[in-house]
Amino acid sequence: MKAMILAAGYGTRLRPVTYTLPKAIVPLTGRPLIGWAIETLLATGISNFIVNLHHLPEPIERYLRDRYAGRANFEFSFEPEILGTGGGVRKVRPLLENDPEFFLVNGDTVQFPPYDLLRAARGNALAALTLRHPPEGDRFTPVYFDNRAITGFGNGTGEALMFSGAHLISNRIFDYLPDKDFSGIVDEVYQPLIERGIETIAGVVDDGLWFDIGTPQRYMTASQTLLDAMVRGDLALPSDTSITGDSLVHDTAKIGRTISRSIVGERSVIEGSITDSVIWDDCRIGRSTKLDGCIVAHGVEIASGDLRNVLICRDDPAIPREGEHRIEHALVLRDI
């Protein structure tokens, strides 16, 4: 059995950092986002993956091949133009159509899907989707669920839930995908088939840990929630990391000061004070620096300063001079 991971997006809401780093390998508590999807699928016995790519594809391909050598097999589908979920699946039909079913998951959503329950729920349905009760105040397209089946997207009967990013799909899907390059799988396949009564789309409700890493604010919420779970011992630590007090620190990092509720990545050096912050790889935080509620991207060096609630990355020609960010001393800052 295979799984397809969707990793072609631009990560626009995490800019400016995603101008130079694909969202799929943005680190979250010691592991790139796409690594969370790979690890949960490996745990269920799946080791053959298809990954679609578009924006900055090489770093994603390199990370997956290097990190999972000997543990997983990868085939990559580069999309010169983004094809949508349906178009992306259609493009890799020769890789998927000979298996009875396959998983399809978002590469930038951290979740722990109940894959066994999806298998049981699908039965003879065309697909089974993970659903959840939406976070309070969240904007979403309601997915209506009644008697173990989805009755509609946007409107329908039953309870209004939220799609949380994992499908188990029958290979019959290839009978229904539009014969064109770009297509959506929900609006152009699932919804018409439900309306016409041709196929059933099943669902599984799971309100476990789940994070859509869409914005810096959501990134920080996910970081702190996962960190708390790791400190409590409720969630396994990523490899080569350890808990230091109430923080997660990579084994190659050097900590010269007390840190609080923070995450420190590979080879980073912390001489200043950091609280409720996330420091990525190869950073240096000087002893005259104080950070509170900050995200510090790869390779940033801060000699001094008092910064609160900002995302900080190095300047790069790929980053526009105008936007939601500002540029100071060869660093790019965006308020969180």
Protein backbone atom coordinates (compact mmCIF):
# COMPACT_ATOMS: atom_id res chain seq x y z
CA MET A 1 0.00 0.00 0.00
CA LYS A 2 1.15 3.52 -0.79
CA ALA A 3 0.55 7.00 0.53
CA MET A 4 0.63 10.25 -1.39
CA ILE A 5 1.73 13.38 0.44
CA LEU A 6 0.77 16.80 -0.87
CA ALA A 7 3.76 19.16 -0.66
CA ALA A 8 3.48 21.45 -3.70
CA GLY A 9 2.18 24.60 -2.00
CA TYR A 10 3.86 27.97 -1.63
CA GLY A 11 3.23 28.43 2.09
CA THR A 12 2.20 32.02 1.43
CA ARG A 13 0.86 32.68 4.94
CA LEU A 14 4.25 31.83 6.46
CA ARG A 15 6.14 34.35 4.37
CA PRO A 16 8.78 35.76 4.39
CA VAL A 17 10.49 32.55 5.49
CA THR A 18 8.85 30.46 2.76
CA TYR A 19 10.29 32.62 0.00
CA THR A 20 13.51 30.66 0.53
CA LEU A 21 12.38 27.51 2.38
CA PRO A 22 9.57 25.18 1.27
CA LYS A 23 6.84 24.98 3.86
CA ALA A 24 7.05 21.19 3.98
CA ILE A 25 10.46 21.33 5.66
CA VAL A 26 9.77 24.17 8.07
CA PRO A 27 10.84 22.62 11.39
CA LEU A 28 8.29 22.05 14.12
CA THR A 29 9.53 20.84 17.51
CA GLY A 30 12.61 19.19 16.06
CA ARG A 31 11.11 17.70 12.90
CA PRO A 32 10.18 19.19 9.49
CA LEU A 33 6.44 19.40 8.89
CA ILE A 34 6.48 16.68 6.24
CA GLY A 35 8.39 14.47 8.66
CA TRP A 36 5.38 14.37 10.98
CA ALA A 37 3.28 12.91 8.14
CA ILE A 38 5.99 10.39 7.21
CA GLU A 39 6.47 9.22 10.79
CA THR A 40 2.76 8.59 11.41
CA LEU A 41 2.46 6.63 8.17
CA LEU A 42 5.60 4.59 8.87
CA ALA A 43 4.11 3.70 12.24
CA THR A 44 1.10 2.16 10.49
CA GLY A 45 3.29 0.03 8.23
CA ILE A 46 3.42 2.16 5.08
CA SER A 47 6.85 2.77 3.60
CA ASN A 48 6.14 3.60 -0.06
CA PHE A 49 5.43 7.26 -0.70
CA ILE A 50 4.60 9.57 -3.57
CA VAL A 51 5.22 13.27 -2.95
CA ASN A 52 4.05 16.01 -5.27
CA LEU A 53 6.33 19.04 -5.55
CA HIS A 54 6.33 22.50 -7.07
CA HIS A 55 7.76 25.35 -4.97
CA LEU A 56 11.46 24.83 -4.10
CA PRO A 57 11.32 21.06 -4.71
CA GLU A 58 15.00 20.16 -4.25
CA PRO A 59 15.25 20.68 -0.46
CA ILE A 60 12.18 18.50 0.13
CA GLU A 61 13.47 15.69 -2.06
CA ARG A 62 16.93 15.87 -0.50
CA TYR A 63 15.61 15.83 3.06
CA LEU A 64 13.34 12.83 2.49
CA ARG A 65 15.94 10.74 0.67
CA ASP A 66 18.64 11.47 3.26
CA ARG A 67 16.54 11.26 6.41
CA TYR A 68 14.63 8.10 5.51
CA ALA A 69 17.24 6.16 3.56
CA GLY A 70 16.65 2.48 4.21
CA ARG A 71 13.31 3.14 5.94
CA ALA A 72 11.12 4.42 3.13
CA ASN A 73 10.90 4.60 -0.65
CA PHE A 74 9.97 7.86 -2.39
CA GLU A 75 8.76 8.75 -5.85
CA PHE A 76 8.42 12.44 -6.65
CA SER A 77 5.93 14.11 -8.96
CA PHE A 78 7.06 17.57 -10.00
CA GLU A 79 4.26 19.86 -11.12
CA PRO A 80 5.51 22.76 -13.31
CA GLU A 81 2.12 24.32 -12.61
CA ILE A 82 0.19 23.42 -9.46
CA LEU A 83 -2.50 20.93 -10.45
CA GLY A 84 -4.82 20.91 -7.45
CA THR A 85 -5.49 17.82 -5.38
CA GLY A 86 -7.43 16.00 -8.09
CA GLY A 87 -4.95 16.93 -10.80
CA GLY A 88 -2.03 15.93 -8.62
CA VAL A 89 -3.52 12.49 -8.00
CA ARG A 90 -4.42 12.05 -11.68
CA LYS A 91 -0.83 12.83 -12.69
CA VAL A 92 0.49 9.85 -10.68
CA ARG A 93 -2.23 7.41 -11.74
CA PRO A 94 0.29 4.82 -13.03
CA LEU A 95 1.84 4.69 -9.55
CA LEU A 96 -1.44 4.22 -7.66
CA GLU A 97 -4.07 2.54 -9.81
CA ASN A 98 -2.86 -1.03 -9.32
CA ASP A 99 -3.38 -0.95 -5.54
CA PRO A 100 -6.93 -1.30 -4.19
CA GLU A 101 -6.59 1.86 -2.09
CA PHE A 102 -4.11 4.52 -1.00
CA PHE A 103 -3.76 7.23 1.62
CA LEU A 104 -3.66 10.90 0.67
CA VAL A 105 -2.49 13.39 3.31
CA ASN A 106 -1.49 17.03 3.56
CA GLY A 107 2.24 17.48 4.03
CA ASP A 108 1.88 20.65 6.10
CA THR A 109 -0.73 19.47 8.60
CA VAL A 110 0.43 17.87 11.82
CA GLN A 111 -2.01 15.13 12.72
CA PHE A 112 -2.14 11.61 14.04
CA PRO A 113 -4.89 10.05 11.91
CA PRO A 114 -6.57 6.83 13.04
CA TYR A 115 -5.51 4.96 9.93
CA ASP A 116 -6.97 1.64 11.09
CA LEU A 117 -10.35 3.30 11.67
CA LEU A 118 -10.21 4.82 8.20
CA ARG A 119 -9.68 1.35 6.73
CA ALA A 120 -12.63 -0.02 8.70
CA ALA A 121 -14.86 2.93 7.83
CA ARG A 122 -14.23 2.90 4.10
CA GLY A 123 -15.60 -0.56 3.42
CA ASN A 124 -16.93 -0.24 -0.13
CA ALA A 125 -17.12 3.56 -0.04
CA LEU A 126 -15.09 5.51 -2.57
CA ALA A 127 -13.16 7.22 0.22
CA ALA A 128 -13.01 7.75 3.96
CA LEU A 129 -11.97 11.14 5.34
CA THR A 130 -10.81 12.28 8.75
CA LEU A 131 -13.14 14.83 10.34
CA ARG A 132 -13.03 16.81 13.56
CA HIS A 133 -15.00 19.31 15.58
CA PRO A 134 -13.61 22.70 14.52
CA PRO A 135 -11.63 24.90 16.91
CA GLU A 136 -13.75 27.71 18.34
CA GLY A 137 -13.73 30.78 16.12
CA ASP A 138 -12.04 28.98 13.20
CA ARG A 139 -13.21 29.63 9.66
CA PHE A 140 -13.77 26.47 7.65
CA THR A 141 -15.93 24.83 5.01
CA PRO A 142 -18.40 22.66 6.94
CA VAL A 143 -18.46 18.97 6.09
CA TYR A 144 -21.82 17.50 6.97
CA PHE A 145 -21.73 14.06 8.52
CA ASP A 146 -24.66 11.77 9.24
CA ASN A 147 -24.87 8.03 9.92
CA ARG A 148 -21.15 7.45 9.23
CA ALA A 149 -21.30 9.11 5.81
CA ILE A 150 -20.56 12.59 4.48
CA THR A 151 -23.72 14.19 3.09
CA GLY A 152 -22.15 17.31 1.63
CA PHE A 153 -19.41 19.92 1.63
CA GLY A 154 -20.68 23.40 2.38
CA ASN A 155 -24.23 22.17 2.81
CA GLY A 156 -25.88 18.90 3.73
CA THR A 157 -27.58 17.13 6.59
CA GLY A 158 -26.24 16.02 9.94
CA GLU A 159 -23.46 17.47 12.07
CA ALA A 160 -21.24 20.21 10.63
CA LEU A 161 -17.63 19.14 11.06
CA MET A 162 -14.25 20.08 9.62
CA PHE A 163 -12.10 18.06 7.22
CA SER A 164 -8.74 17.51 8.90
CA GLY A 165 -6.56 16.48 5.98
CA ALA A 166 -6.35 12.69 5.52
CA HIS A 167 -8.15 10.51 2.96
CA LEU A 168 -8.18 6.78 2.34
CA ILE A 169 -9.21 6.45 -1.31
CA SER A 170 -10.25 3.51 -3.49
CA ASN A 171 -8.54 3.19 -6.86
CA ARG A 172 -12.04 3.69 -8.33
CA ILE A 173 -11.24 7.38 -7.94
CA PHE A 174 -9.51 7.23 -11.32
CA ASP A 175 -12.88 6.51 -12.95
CA TYR A 176 -14.12 9.91 -11.77
CA LEU A 177 -11.22 12.36 -11.89
CA PRO A 178 -11.80 14.99 -14.60
CA ASP A 179 -9.80 14.52 -17.78
CA LYS A 180 -7.88 17.76 -17.42
CA ASP A 181 -4.69 18.93 -15.77
CA PHE A 182 -6.07 21.00 -12.88
CA SER A 183 -8.91 19.77 -10.69
CA GLY A 184 -10.11 19.69 -7.12
CA ILE A 185 -11.01 16.39 -5.54
CA VAL A 186 -13.73 17.70 -3.23
CA ASP A 187 -15.65 20.05 -5.51
CA GLU A 188 -15.18 18.13 -8.75
CA VAL A 189 -15.35 14.53 -7.53
CA TYR A 190 -16.68 13.95 -4.00
CA GLN A 191 -19.47 16.54 -3.99
CA PRO A 192 -20.98 15.66 -7.43
CA LEU A 193 -20.89 11.94 -6.63
CA ILE A 194 -22.66 12.51 -3.30
CA GLU A 195 -25.30 14.74 -4.92
CA ARG A 196 -26.01 12.15 -7.61
CA GLY A 197 -26.01 9.25 -5.17
CA ILE A 198 -23.38 7.37 -7.17
CA GLU A 199 -20.79 6.82 -4.44
CA THR A 200 -20.52 7.03 -0.67
CA ILE A 201 -17.85 9.09 1.08
CA ALA A 202 -17.34 7.80 4.62
CA GLY A 203 -15.90 9.68 7.56
CA VAL A 204 -14.10 9.12 10.83
CA VAL A 205 -14.34 11.72 13.60
CA ASP A 206 -11.08 12.21 15.48
CA ASP A 207 -10.49 15.14 17.83
CA GLY A 208 -6.92 14.22 18.75
CA LEU A 209 -3.88 16.46 18.34
CA TRP A 210 -4.12 18.34 15.05
CA PHE A 211 -2.54 21.51 13.71
CA ASP A 212 -2.92 23.40 10.46
CA ILE A 213 0.38 25.28 10.28
CA GLY A 214 -0.96 28.10 8.17
CA THR A 215 0.29 31.25 9.89
CA PRO A 216 3.06 32.23 12.34
CA GLN A 217 0.44 32.42 15.08
CA ARG A 218 -0.73 28.87 14.40
CA TYR A 219 2.87 27.73 14.17
CA MET A 220 3.54 29.07 17.66
CA THR A 221 0.39 27.47 19.05
CA ALA A 222 1.39 24.11 17.59
CA SER A 223 4.96 24.46 18.85
CA GLN A 224 3.90 25.17 22.42
CA THR A 225 1.20 22.48 22.48
CA LEU A 226 3.54 19.79 21.15
CA LEU A 227 6.33 20.95 23.46
CA ASP A 228 4.03 20.67 26.47
CA ALA A 229 3.05 17.14 25.39
CA MET A 230 6.71 16.16 25.08
CA VAL A 231 7.60 17.65 28.46
CA ARG A 232 4.75 15.65 30.05
CA GLY A 233 5.96 12.50 28.33
CA ASP A 234 2.76 12.15 26.29
CA LEU A 235 4.54 12.46 22.93
CA ALA A 236 7.80 10.82 21.84
CA LEU A 237 10.74 13.13 21.25
CA PRO A 238 12.19 13.52 17.75
CA SER A 239 15.54 11.80 17.32
CA ASP A 240 18.64 13.53 18.70
CA THR A 241 16.69 15.85 20.99
CA SER A 242 16.16 15.97 24.73
CA ILE A 243 14.12 17.85 27.30
CA THR A 244 16.05 20.46 29.28
CA GLY A 245 13.78 21.76 32.01
CA ASP A 246 10.66 22.81 30.11
CA SER A 247 12.39 23.17 26.74
CA LEU A 248 13.28 20.92 23.80
CA VAL A 249 16.93 21.14 22.75
CA HIS A 250 18.77 19.39 19.92
CA ASP A 251 21.79 17.41 21.08
CA THR A 252 24.15 19.53 18.95
CA ALA A 253 22.91 22.88 20.32
CA LYS A 254 24.81 24.81 22.98
CA ILE A 255 22.92 26.53 25.76
CA GLY A 256 24.82 29.12 27.79
CA ARG A 257 21.87 30.67 29.61
CA THR A 258 18.66 29.49 31.18
CA ILE A 259 15.89 29.11 28.59
CA SER A 260 12.17 28.83 29.25
CA ARG A 261 9.47 26.99 27.30
CA SER A 262 11.51 27.16 24.11
CA ILE A 263 12.77 24.94 21.29
CA VAL A 264 16.35 25.05 20.02
CA GLY A 265 17.47 23.41 16.78
CA GLU A 266 20.64 21.82 15.46
CA ARG A 267 24.00 23.54 16.08
CA SER A 268 22.39 26.69 17.44
CA VAL A 269 24.17 28.61 20.20
CA ILE A 270 22.14 30.41 22.85
CA GLU A 271 24.04 32.92 24.99
CA GLY A 272 21.16 35.32 25.57
CA SER A 273 17.74 34.92 27.16
CA ILE A 274 14.90 33.20 25.30
CA THR A 275 11.35 32.61 26.52
CA ASP A 276 8.45 30.97 24.67
CA SER A 277 10.51 31.04 21.46
CA VAL A 278 11.52 28.69 18.66
CA ILE A 279 15.10 28.82 17.39
CA TRP A 280 15.79 26.84 14.22
CA ASP A 281 19.15 25.46 13.06
CA ASP A 282 22.56 27.17 12.94
CA CYS A 283 21.50 30.29 14.84
CA ARG A 284 23.48 32.35 17.33
CA ILE A 285 21.70 34.39 19.97
CA GLY A 286 24.16 36.78 21.64
CA ARG A 287 24.33 37.35 25.37
CA SER A 288 22.90 40.85 25.03
CA THR A 289 19.78 39.51 23.31
CA LYS A 290 16.39 38.87 24.85
CA LEU A 291 13.71 37.04 22.86
CA ASP A 292 10.12 36.45 23.94
CA GLY A 293 7.57 34.71 21.74
CA CYS A 294 9.80 34.73 18.67
CA ILE A 295 10.47 32.41 15.72
CA VAL A 296 14.10 32.57 14.57
CA ALA A 297 14.72 30.91 11.20
CA HIS A 298 17.80 29.01 10.02
CA GLY A 299 21.16 30.75 10.20
CA VAL A 300 20.06 33.95 11.94
CA GLU A 301 22.59 35.70 14.18
CA ILE A 302 21.41 38.33 16.66
CA ALA A 303 24.14 40.05 18.64
CA SER A 304 21.89 42.20 20.81
CA GLY A 305 18.36 43.48 21.14
CA ASP A 306 15.06 42.96 22.89
CA LEU A 307 12.54 41.35 20.54
CA ARG A 308 9.02 40.15 21.26
CA ASN A 309 6.49 38.30 19.08
CA VAL A 310 8.31 38.47 15.76
CA LEU A 311 9.37 36.00 13.07
CA ILE A 312 12.98 36.64 12.07
CA CYS A 313 14.83 35.31 9.03
CA ARG A 314 17.92 36.29 7.06
CA ASP A 315 17.51 38.67 4.17
CA ASP A 316 17.71 37.17 0.70
CA PRO A 317 17.26 38.48 -2.86
CA ALA A 318 14.19 36.24 -3.19
CA ILE A 319 12.40 38.23 -0.47
CA PRO A 320 10.52 41.29 -1.82
CA ARG A 321 11.38 44.67 -0.38
CA GLU A 322 7.73 45.33 0.46
CA GLY A 323 5.13 43.22 2.25
CA GLU A 324 3.96 42.39 5.76
CA HIS A 325 7.61 42.30 6.81
CA ARG A 326 10.32 44.88 7.41
CA ILE A 327 14.05 44.68 6.84
CA GLU A 328 16.53 45.72 9.52
CA HIS A 329 20.28 45.07 9.64
CA ALA A 330 20.18 42.26 7.03
CA LEU A 331 17.34 40.55 8.90
CA VAL A 332 13.70 40.30 7.86
CA LEU A 333 11.10 40.68 10.62
CA ARG A 334 7.39 40.00 10.60
CA ASP A 335 5.16 40.61 13.58
CA ILE A 336 3.41 37.53 14.93
